[in-house]
C-alpha cells in the first residue's frame, strides 16, 4: 500500500472557504479517480504565522494505482487547486510505502 500525504498551509483569510472546498469538491474528486481506498483530513497542531496547516492523507492499494493517479488525474486536480488559491498556500507532498499495519487486540 502507498500512503500519499499532501501537507498544505493555507492563508487564514481563505481558510474556511478552502476547508469547505476541500471537503465538498477536491477530496471527493481525488477519491473519484478510483486510485485510493480512503482519505483522512487532519489539522496539524502548532500553527505557522499567518496560516493554518493541514495534512490530507490518501491510501492507495498499490504503486500502480498511485502511478495511475499521478499520470491521469493529479495534473488537472493540482492545477485546479493552484488556480483557485494562487499565492495563498504552500504545499508539499510525501509518498510513503506502508511496511506494516497494526491494530489493537480486541478481546
PDB file of N, CA and C in Angstrom:
ATOM      1  N   UNK A   1       0.839  -1.186   0.000  1.00  0.00           N
ATOM      2  CA  UNK A   1       0.000   0.000   0.000  1.00  0.00           C
ATOM      3  C   UNK A   1       0.879   1.243   0.000  1.00  0.00           C
ATOM      4  N   UNK A   2       0.332   2.289  -0.567  1.00  0.00           N
ATOM      5  CA  UNK A   2       1.029   3.564  -0.665  1.00  0.00           C
ATOM      6  C   UNK A   2       0.209   4.622   0.078  1.00  0.00           C
ATOM      7  N   UNK A   3       0.880   5.365   0.936  1.00  0.00           N
ATOM      8  CA  UNK A   3       0.254   6.494   1.624  1.00  0.00           C
ATOM      9  C   UNK A   3       0.781   7.762   0.962  1.00  0.00           C
ATOM     10  N   UNK A   4      -0.138   8.512   0.379  1.00  0.00           N
ATOM     11  CA  UNK A   4       0.183   9.758  -0.308  1.00  0.00           C
ATOM     12  C   UNK A   4      -0.298  10.881   0.600  1.00  0.00           C
ATOM     13  N   UNK A   5       0.646  11.674   1.102  1.00  0.00           N
ATOM     14  CA  UNK A   5       0.321  12.735   2.044  1.00  0.00           C
ATOM     15  C   UNK A   5       0.589  14.090   1.401  1.00  0.00           C
ATOM     16  N   UNK A   6      -0.404  14.963   1.456  1.00  0.00           N
ATOM     17  CA  UNK A   6      -0.256  16.331   0.970  1.00  0.00           C
ATOM     18  C   UNK A   6      -0.394  17.252   2.177  1.00  0.00           C
ATOM     19  N   UNK A   7       0.645  18.019   2.458  1.00  0.00           N
ATOM     20  CA  UNK A   7       0.616  18.979   3.553  1.00  0.00           C
ATOM     21  C   UNK A   7       0.408  20.361   2.953  1.00  0.00           C
ATOM     22  N   UNK A   8      -0.616  21.057   3.442  1.00  0.00           N
ATOM     23  CA  UNK A   8      -0.960  22.374   2.903  1.00  0.00           C
ATOM     24  C   UNK A   8      -1.058  23.374   4.044  1.00  0.00           C
ATOM     25  N   UNK A   9      -0.346  24.486   3.898  1.00  0.00           N
ATOM     26  CA  UNK A   9      -0.504  25.631   4.794  1.00  0.00           C
ATOM     27  C   UNK A   9      -1.299  26.665   4.010  1.00  0.00           C
ATOM     28  N   UNK A  10      -2.480  26.979   4.513  1.00  0.00           N
ATOM     29  CA  UNK A  10      -3.401  27.870   3.802  1.00  0.00           C
ATOM     30  C   UNK A  10      -3.552  29.186   4.568  1.00  0.00           C
ATOM     31  N   UNK A  11      -3.604  30.273   3.854  1.00  0.00           N
ATOM     32  CA  UNK A  11      -3.749  31.610   4.433  1.00  0.00           C
ATOM     33  C   UNK A  11      -5.030  31.671   5.268  1.00  0.00           C
ATOM     34  N   UNK A  12      -4.921  32.250   6.457  1.00  0.00           N
ATOM     35  CA  UNK A  12      -6.085  32.350   7.352  1.00  0.00           C
ATOM     36  C   UNK A  12      -7.261  33.080   6.716  1.00  0.00           C
ATOM     37  N   UNK A  13      -6.994  34.021   5.835  1.00  0.00           N
ATOM     38  CA  UNK A  13      -8.063  34.814   5.217  1.00  0.00           C
ATOM     39  C   UNK A  13      -8.987  33.955   4.346  1.00  0.00           C
ATOM     40  N   UNK A  14      -8.489  32.849   3.798  1.00  0.00           N
ATOM     41  CA  UNK A  14      -9.310  31.985   2.948  1.00  0.00           C
ATOM     42  C   UNK A  14      -9.476  30.585   3.535  1.00  0.00           C
ATOM     43  N   UNK A  15      -9.043  30.423   4.756  1.00  0.00           N
ATOM     44  CA  UNK A  15      -9.022  29.111   5.408  1.00  0.00           C
ATOM     45  C   UNK A  15     -10.373  28.404   5.388  1.00  0.00           C
ATOM     46  N   UNK A  16     -11.429  29.064   5.840  1.00  0.00           N
ATOM     47  CA  UNK A  16     -12.749  28.419   5.928  1.00  0.00           C
ATOM     48  C   UNK A  16     -13.293  28.060   4.546  1.00  0.00           C
ATOM     49  N   UNK A  17     -13.131  28.953   3.579  1.00  0.00           N
ATOM     50  CA  UNK A  17     -13.567  28.671   2.209  1.00  0.00           C
ATOM     51  C   UNK A  17     -12.799  27.478   1.647  1.00  0.00           C
ATOM     52  N   UNK A  18     -11.468  27.470   1.844  1.00  0.00           N
ATOM     53  CA  UNK A  18     -10.629  26.371   1.352  1.00  0.00           C
ATOM     54  C   UNK A  18     -11.035  25.047   1.991  1.00  0.00           C
ATOM     55  N   UNK A  19     -11.250  25.056   3.296  1.00  0.00           N
ATOM     56  CA  UNK A  19     -11.618  23.833   4.006  1.00  0.00           C
ATOM     57  C   UNK A  19     -12.938  23.277   3.474  1.00  0.00           C
ATOM     58  N   UNK A  20     -13.906  24.133   3.252  1.00  0.00           N
ATOM     59  CA  UNK A  20     -15.187  23.708   2.691  1.00  0.00           C
ATOM     60  C   UNK A  20     -14.996  23.133   1.284  1.00  0.00           C
ATOM     61  N   UNK A  21     -14.197  23.811   0.459  1.00  0.00           N
ATOM     62  CA  UNK A  21     -13.940  23.348  -0.899  1.00  0.00           C
ATOM     63  C   UNK A  21     -13.226  21.990  -0.889  1.00  0.00           C
ATOM     64  N   UNK A  22     -12.263  21.826   0.014  1.00  0.00           N
ATOM     65  CA  UNK A  22     -11.556  20.543   0.108  1.00  0.00           C
ATOM     66  C   UNK A  22     -12.535  19.418   0.472  1.00  0.00           C
ATOM     67  N   UNK A  23     -13.415  19.684   1.436  1.00  0.00           N
ATOM     68  CA  UNK A  23     -14.369  18.661   1.904  1.00  0.00           C
ATOM     69  C   UNK A  23     -15.414  18.305   0.840  1.00  0.00           C
ATOM     70  N   UNK A  24     -15.896  19.304   0.136  1.00  0.00           N
ATOM     71  CA  UNK A  24     -17.035  19.084  -0.759  1.00  0.00           C
ATOM     72  C   UNK A  24     -16.656  18.868  -2.214  1.00  0.00           C
ATOM     73  N   UNK A  25     -15.442  19.265  -2.610  1.00  0.00           N
ATOM     74  CA  UNK A  25     -15.075  19.181  -4.018  1.00  0.00           C
ATOM     75  C   UNK A  25     -13.764  18.433  -4.249  1.00  0.00           C
ATOM     76  N   UNK A  26     -12.669  18.970  -3.733  1.00  0.00           N
ATOM     77  CA  UNK A  26     -11.355  18.438  -4.095  1.00  0.00           C
ATOM     78  C   UNK A  26     -11.125  16.996  -3.626  1.00  0.00           C
ATOM     79  N   UNK A  27     -11.300  16.732  -2.345  1.00  0.00           N
ATOM     80  CA  UNK A  27     -11.068  15.366  -1.843  1.00  0.00           C
ATOM     81  C   UNK A  27     -12.028  14.380  -2.506  1.00  0.00           C
ATOM     82  N   UNK A  28     -13.325  14.685  -2.621  1.00  0.00           N
ATOM     83  CA  UNK A  28     -14.204  13.761  -3.359  1.00  0.00           C
ATOM     84  C   UNK A  28     -13.750  13.526  -4.799  1.00  0.00           C
ATOM     85  N   UNK A  29     -13.233  14.566  -5.473  1.00  0.00           N
ATOM     86  CA  UNK A  29     -12.748  14.391  -6.840  1.00  0.00           C
ATOM     87  C   UNK A  29     -11.531  13.477  -6.894  1.00  0.00           C
ATOM     88  N   UNK A  30     -10.621  13.612  -5.926  1.00  0.00           N
ATOM     89  CA  UNK A  30      -9.458  12.719  -5.873  1.00  0.00           C
ATOM     90  C   UNK A  30      -9.926  11.280  -5.668  1.00  0.00           C
ATOM     91  N   UNK A  31     -10.870  11.066  -4.769  1.00  0.00           N
ATOM     92  CA  UNK A  31     -11.358   9.715  -4.494  1.00  0.00           C
ATOM     93  C   UNK A  31     -12.115   9.131  -5.694  1.00  0.00           C
ATOM     94  N   UNK A  32     -12.781   9.986  -6.480  1.00  0.00           N
ATOM     95  CA  UNK A  32     -13.488   9.522  -7.677  1.00  0.00           C
ATOM     96  C   UNK A  32     -12.546   8.970  -8.733  1.00  0.00           C
ATOM     97  N   UNK A  33     -11.264   9.253  -8.608  1.00  0.00           N
ATOM     98  CA  UNK A  33     -10.282   8.731  -9.563  1.00  0.00           C
ATOM     99  C   UNK A  33     -10.216   7.209  -9.510  1.00  0.00           C
ATOM    100  N   UNK A  34     -10.659   6.628  -8.395  1.00  0.00           N
ATOM    101  CA  UNK A  34     -10.598   5.177  -8.232  1.00  0.00           C
ATOM    102  C   UNK A  34      -9.231   4.661  -7.852  1.00  0.00           C
ATOM    103  N   UNK A  35      -8.312   5.571  -7.544  1.00  0.00           N
ATOM    104  CA  UNK A  35      -6.933   5.181  -7.240  1.00  0.00           C
ATOM    105  C   UNK A  35      -6.643   5.087  -5.744  1.00  0.00           C
ATOM    106  N   UNK A  36      -7.628   5.475  -4.913  1.00  0.00           N
ATOM    107  CA  UNK A  36      -7.415   5.485  -3.467  1.00  0.00           C
ATOM    108  C   UNK A  36      -8.563   4.781  -2.750  1.00  0.00           C
ATOM    109  N   UNK A  37      -8.248   4.163  -1.627  1.00  0.00           N
ATOM    110  CA  UNK A  37      -9.236   3.452  -0.817  1.00  0.00           C
ATOM    111  C   UNK A  37      -9.947   4.380   0.160  1.00  0.00           C
ATOM    112  N   UNK A  38      -9.212   5.382   0.654  1.00  0.00           N
ATOM    113  CA  UNK A  38      -9.775   6.297   1.649  1.00  0.00           C
ATOM    114  C   UNK A  38      -8.903   7.534   1.739  1.00  0.00           C
ATOM    115  N   UNK A  39      -9.422   8.520   2.465  1.00  0.00           N
ATOM    116  CA  UNK A  39      -8.682   9.754   2.706  1.00  0.00           C
ATOM    117  C   UNK A  39      -8.956  10.216   4.133  1.00  0.00           C
ATOM    118  N   UNK A  40      -7.969  10.875   4.719  1.00  0.00           N
ATOM    119  CA  UNK A  40      -8.126  11.479   6.043  1.00  0.00           C
ATOM    120  C   UNK A  40      -7.628  12.910   5.973  1.00  0.00           C
ATOM    121  N   UNK A  41      -8.430  13.821   6.518  1.00  0.00           N
ATOM    122  CA  UNK A  41      -8.081  15.236   6.583  1.00  0.00           C
ATOM    123  C   UNK A  41      -7.781  15.562   8.035  1.00  0.00           C
ATOM    124  N   UNK A  42      -6.571  16.050   8.302  1.00  0.00           N
ATOM    125  CA  UNK A  42      -6.157  16.346   9.676  1.00  0.00           C
ATOM    126  C   UNK A  42      -5.579  17.752   9.759  1.00  0.00           C
ATOM    127  N   UNK A  43      -5.892  18.430  10.841  1.00  0.00           N
ATOM    128  CA  UNK A  43      -5.282  19.733  11.093  1.00  0.00           C
ATOM    129  C   UNK A  43      -4.015  19.484  11.902  1.00  0.00           C
ATOM    130  N   UNK A  44      -2.932  20.104  11.499  1.00  0.00           N
ATOM    131  CA  UNK A  44      -1.657  19.925  12.182  1.00  0.00           C
ATOM    132  C   UNK A  44      -1.583  20.889  13.360  1.00  0.00           C
ATOM    133  N   UNK A  45      -1.246  20.350  14.521  1.00  0.00           N
ATOM    134  CA  UNK A  45      -1.097  21.173  15.722  1.00  0.00           C
ATOM    135  C   UNK A  45       0.151  22.038  15.591  1.00  0.00           C
ATOM    136  N   UNK A  46       0.053  23.266  16.089  1.00  0.00           N
ATOM    137  CA  UNK A  46       1.176  24.189  16.017  1.00  0.00           C
ATOM    138  C   UNK A  46       1.100  24.989  14.736  1.00  0.00           C
ATOM    139  N   UNK A  47       0.602  26.173  14.836  1.00  0.00           N
ATOM    140  CA  UNK A  47       0.342  26.995  13.658  1.00  0.00           C
ATOM    141  C   UNK A  47       1.591  27.735  13.190  1.00  0.00           C
ATOM    142  N   UNK A  48       1.697  27.876  11.873  1.00  0.00           N
ATOM    143  CA  UNK A  48       2.704  28.751  11.299  1.00  0.00           C
ATOM    144  C   UNK A  48       2.093  30.134  11.231  1.00  0.00           C
ATOM    145  N   UNK A  49       2.935  31.147  11.293  1.00  0.00           N
ATOM    146  CA  UNK A  49       2.442  32.517  11.282  1.00  0.00           C
ATOM    147  C   UNK A  49       1.678  32.817   9.992  1.00  0.00           C
ATOM    148  N   UNK A  50       0.424  33.251  10.148  1.00  0.00           N
ATOM    149  CA  UNK A  50      -0.382  33.664   9.012  1.00  0.00           C
ATOM    150  C   UNK A  50      -1.082  32.548   8.271  1.00  0.00           C
ATOM    151  N   UNK A  51      -0.937  31.318   8.730  1.00  0.00           N
ATOM    152  CA  UNK A  51      -1.568  30.220   8.014  1.00  0.00           C
ATOM    153  C   UNK A  51      -2.040  29.122   8.934  1.00  0.00           C
ATOM    154  N   UNK A  52      -2.855  28.247   8.391  1.00  0.00           N
ATOM    155  CA  UNK A  52      -3.363  27.077   9.090  1.00  0.00           C
ATOM    156  C   UNK A  52      -2.887  25.879   8.271  1.00  0.00           C
ATOM    157  N   UNK A  53      -2.364  24.861   8.940  1.00  0.00           N
ATOM    158  CA  UNK A  53      -1.749  23.757   8.210  1.00  0.00           C
ATOM    159  C   UNK A  53      -2.531  22.465   8.378  1.00  0.00           C
ATOM    160  N   UNK A  54      -2.715  21.778   7.245  1.00  0.00           N
ATOM    161  CA  UNK A  54      -3.454  20.516   7.201  1.00  0.00           C
ATOM    162  C   UNK A  54      -2.625  19.440   6.523  1.00  0.00           C
ATOM    163  N   UNK A  55      -2.940  18.207   6.870  1.00  0.00           N
ATOM    164  CA  UNK A  55      -2.411  17.039   6.189  1.00  0.00           C
ATOM    165  C   UNK A  55      -3.601  16.310   5.580  1.00  0.00           C
ATOM    166  N   UNK A  56      -3.506  16.025   4.293  1.00  0.00           N
ATOM    167  CA  UNK A  56      -4.540  15.236   3.626  1.00  0.00           C
ATOM    168  C   UNK A  56      -3.864  13.939   3.197  1.00  0.00           C
ATOM    169  N   UNK A  57      -4.306  12.832   3.772  1.00  0.00           N
ATOM    170  CA  UNK A  57      -3.703  11.535   3.501  1.00  0.00           C
ATOM    171  C   UNK A  57      -4.632  10.699   2.637  1.00  0.00           C
ATOM    172  N   UNK A  58      -4.060  10.101   1.616  1.00  0.00           N
ATOM    173  CA  UNK A  58      -4.798   9.218   0.711  1.00  0.00           C
ATOM    174  C   UNK A  58      -4.110   7.862   0.723  1.00  0.00           C
ATOM    175  N   UNK A  59      -4.871   6.795   0.889  1.00  0.00           N
ATOM    176  CA  UNK A  59      -4.324   5.444   0.912  1.00  0.00           C
ATOM    177  C   UNK A  59      -4.617   4.752  -0.409  1.00  0.00           C
ATOM    178  N   UNK A  60      -3.548   4.394  -1.116  1.00  0.00           N
ATOM    179  CA  UNK A  60      -3.672   3.709  -2.400  1.00  0.00           C
ATOM    180  C   UNK A  60      -3.323   2.229  -2.210  1.00  0.00           C
ATOM    181  N   UNK A  61      -4.046   1.336  -2.892  1.00  0.00           N
ATOM    182  CA  UNK A  61      -3.784  -0.091  -2.700  1.00  0.00           C
ATOM    183  C   UNK A  61      -2.467  -0.567  -3.302  1.00  0.00           C
ATOM    184  N   UNK A  62      -1.894   0.214  -4.260  1.00  0.00           N
ATOM    185  CA  UNK A  62      -0.668  -0.246  -4.914  1.00  0.00           C
ATOM    186  C   UNK A  62       0.085   0.920  -5.551  1.00  0.00           C
ATOM    187  N   UNK A  63       1.343   0.673  -5.852  1.00  0.00           N
ATOM    188  CA  UNK A  63       2.155   1.658  -6.563  1.00  0.00           C
ATOM    189  C   UNK A  63       1.556   1.925  -7.940  1.00  0.00           C
ATOM    190  N   UNK A  64       1.024   0.895  -8.575  1.00  0.00           N
ATOM    191  CA  UNK A  64       0.430   1.049  -9.905  1.00  0.00           C
ATOM    192  C   UNK A  64      -0.757   2.001  -9.872  1.00  0.00           C
ATOM    193  N   UNK A  65      -1.619   1.866  -8.873  1.00  0.00           N
ATOM    194  CA  UNK A  65      -2.780   2.760  -8.748  1.00  0.00           C
ATOM    195  C   UNK A  65      -2.329   4.194  -8.459  1.00  0.00           C
ATOM    196  N   UNK A  66      -1.319   4.340  -7.602  1.00  0.00           N
ATOM    197  CA  UNK A  66      -0.791   5.670  -7.315  1.00  0.00           C
ATOM    198  C   UNK A  66      -0.211   6.287  -8.599  1.00  0.00           C
ATOM    199  N   UNK A  67       0.549   5.487  -9.352  1.00  0.00           N
ATOM    200  CA  UNK A  67       1.129   5.977 -10.606  1.00  0.00           C
ATOM    201  C   UNK A  67       0.037   6.377 -11.597  1.00  0.00           C
ATOM    202  N   UNK A  68      -1.039   5.608 -11.630  1.00  0.00           N
ATOM    203  CA  UNK A  68      -2.185   5.934 -12.488  1.00  0.00           C
ATOM    204  C   UNK A  68      -2.765   7.296 -12.098  1.00  0.00           C
ATOM    205  N   UNK A  69      -2.889   7.530 -10.792  1.00  0.00           N
ATOM    206  CA  UNK A  69      -3.391   8.817 -10.315  1.00  0.00           C
ATOM    207  C   UNK A  69      -2.471   9.949 -10.776  1.00  0.00           C
ATOM    208  N   UNK A  70      -1.177   9.769 -10.586  1.00  0.00           N
ATOM    209  CA  UNK A  70      -0.221  10.813 -10.958  1.00  0.00           C
ATOM    210  C   UNK A  70      -0.249  11.099 -12.462  1.00  0.00           C
ATOM    211  N   UNK A  71      -0.396  10.065 -13.266  1.00  0.00           N
ATOM    212  CA  UNK A  71      -0.378  10.239 -14.723  1.00  0.00           C
ATOM    213  C   UNK A  71      -1.682  10.809 -15.271  1.00  0.00           C
ATOM    214  N   UNK A  72      -2.816  10.375 -14.726  1.00  0.00           N
ATOM    215  CA  UNK A  72      -4.104  10.678 -15.347  1.00  0.00           C
ATOM    216  C   UNK A  72      -4.986  11.691 -14.617  1.00  0.00           C
ATOM    217  N   UNK A  73      -4.700  11.969 -13.344  1.00  0.00           N
ATOM    218  CA  UNK A  73      -5.611  12.816 -12.565  1.00  0.00           C
ATOM    219  C   UNK A  73      -4.918  13.974 -11.841  1.00  0.00           C
ATOM    220  N   UNK A  74      -3.731  13.731 -11.297  1.00  0.00           N
ATOM    221  CA  UNK A  74      -3.058  14.745 -10.468  1.00  0.00           C
ATOM    222  C   UNK A  74      -2.826  16.071 -11.188  1.00  0.00           C
ATOM    223  N   UNK A  75      -2.348  16.070 -12.428  1.00  0.00           N
ATOM    224  CA  UNK A  75      -2.084  17.376 -13.063  1.00  0.00           C
ATOM    225  C   UNK A  75      -3.310  18.291 -13.099  1.00  0.00           C
ATOM    226  N   UNK A  76      -4.457  17.738 -13.480  1.00  0.00           N
ATOM    227  CA  UNK A  76      -5.684  18.549 -13.556  1.00  0.00           C
ATOM    228  C   UNK A  76      -6.133  19.015 -12.173  1.00  0.00           C
ATOM    229  N   UNK A  77      -6.130  18.113 -11.190  1.00  0.00           N
ATOM    230  CA  UNK A  77      -6.615  18.457  -9.854  1.00  0.00           C
ATOM    231  C   UNK A  77      -5.678  19.432  -9.149  1.00  0.00           C
ATOM    232  N   UNK A  78      -4.374  19.259  -9.327  1.00  0.00           N
ATOM    233  CA  UNK A  78      -3.419  20.188  -8.714  1.00  0.00           C
ATOM    234  C   UNK A  78      -3.502  21.567  -9.368  1.00  0.00           C
ATOM    235  N   UNK A  79      -3.714  21.588 -10.682  1.00  0.00           N
ATOM    236  CA  UNK A  79      -3.863  22.869 -11.390  1.00  0.00           C
ATOM    237  C   UNK A  79      -5.100  23.610 -10.892  1.00  0.00           C
ATOM    238  N   UNK A  80      -6.187  22.887 -10.712  1.00  0.00           N
ATOM    239  CA  UNK A  80      -7.425  23.487 -10.208  1.00  0.00           C
ATOM    240  C   UNK A  80      -7.193  24.128  -8.833  1.00  0.00           C
ATOM    241  N   UNK A  81      -6.497  23.416  -7.960  1.00  0.00           N
ATOM    242  CA  UNK A  81      -6.197  23.933  -6.614  1.00  0.00           C
ATOM    243  C   UNK A  81      -5.317  25.180  -6.711  1.00  0.00           C
ATOM    244  N   UNK A  82      -4.283  25.102  -7.524  1.00  0.00           N
ATOM    245  CA  UNK A  82      -3.358  26.232  -7.658  1.00  0.00           C
ATOM    246  C   UNK A  82      -4.061  27.460  -8.220  1.00  0.00           C
ATOM    247  N   UNK A  83      -4.880  27.283  -9.245  1.00  0.00           N
ATOM    248  CA  UNK A  83      -5.587  28.430  -9.833  1.00  0.00           C
ATOM    249  C   UNK A  83      -6.553  29.059  -8.840  1.00  0.00           C
ATOM    250  N   UNK A  84      -7.200  28.243  -8.040  1.00  0.00           N
ATOM    251  CA  UNK A  84      -8.204  28.745  -7.089  1.00  0.00           C
ATOM    252  C   UNK A  84      -7.562  29.483  -5.910  1.00  0.00           C
ATOM    253  N   UNK A  85      -6.390  29.018  -5.463  1.00  0.00           N
ATOM    254  CA  UNK A  85      -5.765  29.581  -4.256  1.00  0.00           C
ATOM    255  C   UNK A  85      -4.346  30.093  -4.494  1.00  0.00           C
ATOM    256  N   UNK A  86      -4.074  30.527  -5.710  1.00  0.00           N
ATOM    257  CA  UNK A  86      -2.757  31.054  -6.089  1.00  0.00           C
ATOM    258  C   UNK A  86      -2.270  32.098  -5.083  1.00  0.00           C
ATOM    259  N   UNK A  87      -1.056  31.915  -4.579  1.00  0.00           N
ATOM    260  CA  UNK A  87      -0.458  32.877  -3.661  1.00  0.00           C
ATOM    261  C   UNK A  87      -0.982  32.807  -2.234  1.00  0.00           C
ATOM    262  N   UNK A  88      -1.897  31.899  -1.953  1.00  0.00           N
ATOM    263  CA  UNK A  88      -2.499  31.822  -0.619  1.00  0.00           C
ATOM    264  C   UNK A  88      -2.186  30.504   0.100  1.00  0.00           C
ATOM    265  N   UNK A  89      -1.298  29.695  -0.488  1.00  0.00           N
ATOM    266  CA  UNK A  89      -0.972  28.423   0.141  1.00  0.00           C
ATOM    267  C   UNK A  89       0.454  28.001  -0.196  1.00  0.00           C
ATOM    268  N   UNK A  90       0.954  27.102   0.617  1.00  0.00           N
ATOM    269  CA  UNK A  90       2.201  26.394   0.337  1.00  0.00           C
ATOM    270  C   UNK A  90       1.893  24.919   0.547  1.00  0.00           C
ATOM    271  N   UNK A  91       2.420  24.061  -0.321  1.00  0.00           N
ATOM    272  CA  UNK A  91       2.123  22.637  -0.215  1.00  0.00           C
ATOM    273  C   UNK A  91       3.361  21.812  -0.499  1.00  0.00           C
ATOM    274  N   UNK A  92       3.434  20.660   0.141  1.00  0.00           N
ATOM    275  CA  UNK A  92       4.436  19.671  -0.250  1.00  0.00           C
ATOM    276  C   UNK A  92       3.828  18.290  -0.102  1.00  0.00           C
ATOM    277  N   UNK A  93       4.357  17.389  -0.884  1.00  0.00           N
ATOM    278  CA  UNK A  93       3.802  16.038  -0.966  1.00  0.00           C
ATOM    279  C   UNK A  93       4.834  15.017  -0.518  1.00  0.00           C
ATOM    280  N   UNK A  94       4.358  13.973   0.151  1.00  0.00           N
ATOM    281  CA  UNK A  94       5.211  12.893   0.626  1.00  0.00           C
ATOM    282  C   UNK A  94       4.569  11.570   0.226  1.00  0.00           C
ATOM    283  N   UNK A  95       5.378  10.662  -0.295  1.00  0.00           N
ATOM    284  CA  UNK A  95       4.914   9.329  -0.671  1.00  0.00           C
ATOM    285  C   UNK A  95       5.564   8.337   0.290  1.00  0.00           C
ATOM    286  N   UNK A  96       4.734   7.508   0.932  1.00  0.00           N
ATOM    287  CA  UNK A  96       5.259   6.528   1.880  1.00  0.00           C
ATOM    288  C   UNK A  96       4.807   5.129   1.486  1.00  0.00           C
ATOM    289  N   UNK A  97       5.683   4.173   1.591  1.00  0.00           N
ATOM    290  CA  UNK A  97       5.330   2.773   1.402  1.00  0.00           C
ATOM    291  C   UNK A  97       4.940   2.213   2.761  1.00  0.00           C
ATOM    292  N   UNK A  98       3.724   1.729   2.881  1.00  0.00           N
ATOM    293  CA  UNK A  98       3.275   1.144   4.145  1.00  0.00           C
ATOM    294  C   UNK A  98       3.970  -0.205   4.293  1.00  0.00           C
ATOM    295  N   UNK A  99       4.748  -0.344   5.345  1.00  0.00           N
ATOM    296  CA  UNK A  99       5.503  -1.570   5.590  1.00  0.00           C
ATOM    297  C   UNK A  99       4.638  -2.579   6.317  1.00  0.00           C
ATOM    298  N   UNK A 100       3.875  -2.098   7.295  1.00  0.00           N
ATOM    299  CA  UNK A 100       3.060  -2.984   8.103  1.00  0.00           C
ATOM    300  C   UNK A 100       1.991  -2.171   8.806  1.00  0.00           C
ATOM    301  N   UNK A 101       0.837  -2.789   9.021  1.00  0.00           N
ATOM    302  CA  UNK A 101      -0.239  -2.131   9.771  1.00  0.00           C
ATOM    303  C   UNK A 101      -0.467  -2.890  11.061  1.00  0.00           C
ATOM    304  N   UNK A 102      -0.787  -2.155  12.107  1.00  0.00           N
ATOM    305  CA  UNK A 102      -1.046  -2.744  13.398  1.00  0.00           C
ATOM    306  C   UNK A 102      -2.428  -2.300  13.886  1.00  0.00           C
ATOM    307  N   UNK A 103      -3.135  -3.189  14.507  1.00  0.00           N
ATOM    308  CA  UNK A 103      -4.447  -2.883  15.059  1.00  0.00           C
ATOM    309  C   UNK A 103      -4.484  -3.377  16.494  1.00  0.00           C
ATOM    310  N   UNK A 104      -5.208  -2.689  17.357  1.00  0.00           N
ATOM    311  CA  UNK A 104      -5.273  -3.134  18.754  1.00  0.00           C
ATOM    312  C   UNK A 104      -5.994  -4.486  18.853  1.00  0.00           C
ATOM    313  N   UNK A 105      -5.559  -5.289  19.805  1.00  0.00           N
ATOM    314  CA  UNK A 105      -6.258  -6.548  20.070  1.00  0.00           C
ATOM    315  C   UNK A 105      -7.570  -6.237  20.746  1.00  0.00           C
ATOM    316  N   UNK A 106      -8.620  -6.796  20.207  1.00  0.00           N
ATOM    317  CA  UNK A 106      -9.953  -6.609  20.797  1.00  0.00           C
ATOM    318  C   UNK A 106     -10.305  -7.918  21.473  1.00  0.00           C
ATOM    319  N   UNK A 107     -10.603  -7.849  22.738  1.00  0.00           N
ATOM    320  CA  UNK A 107     -10.855  -9.124  23.375  1.00  0.00           C
ATOM    321  C   UNK A 107     -11.459  -8.960  24.683  1.00  0.00           C
TER     322      UNK A 107
END
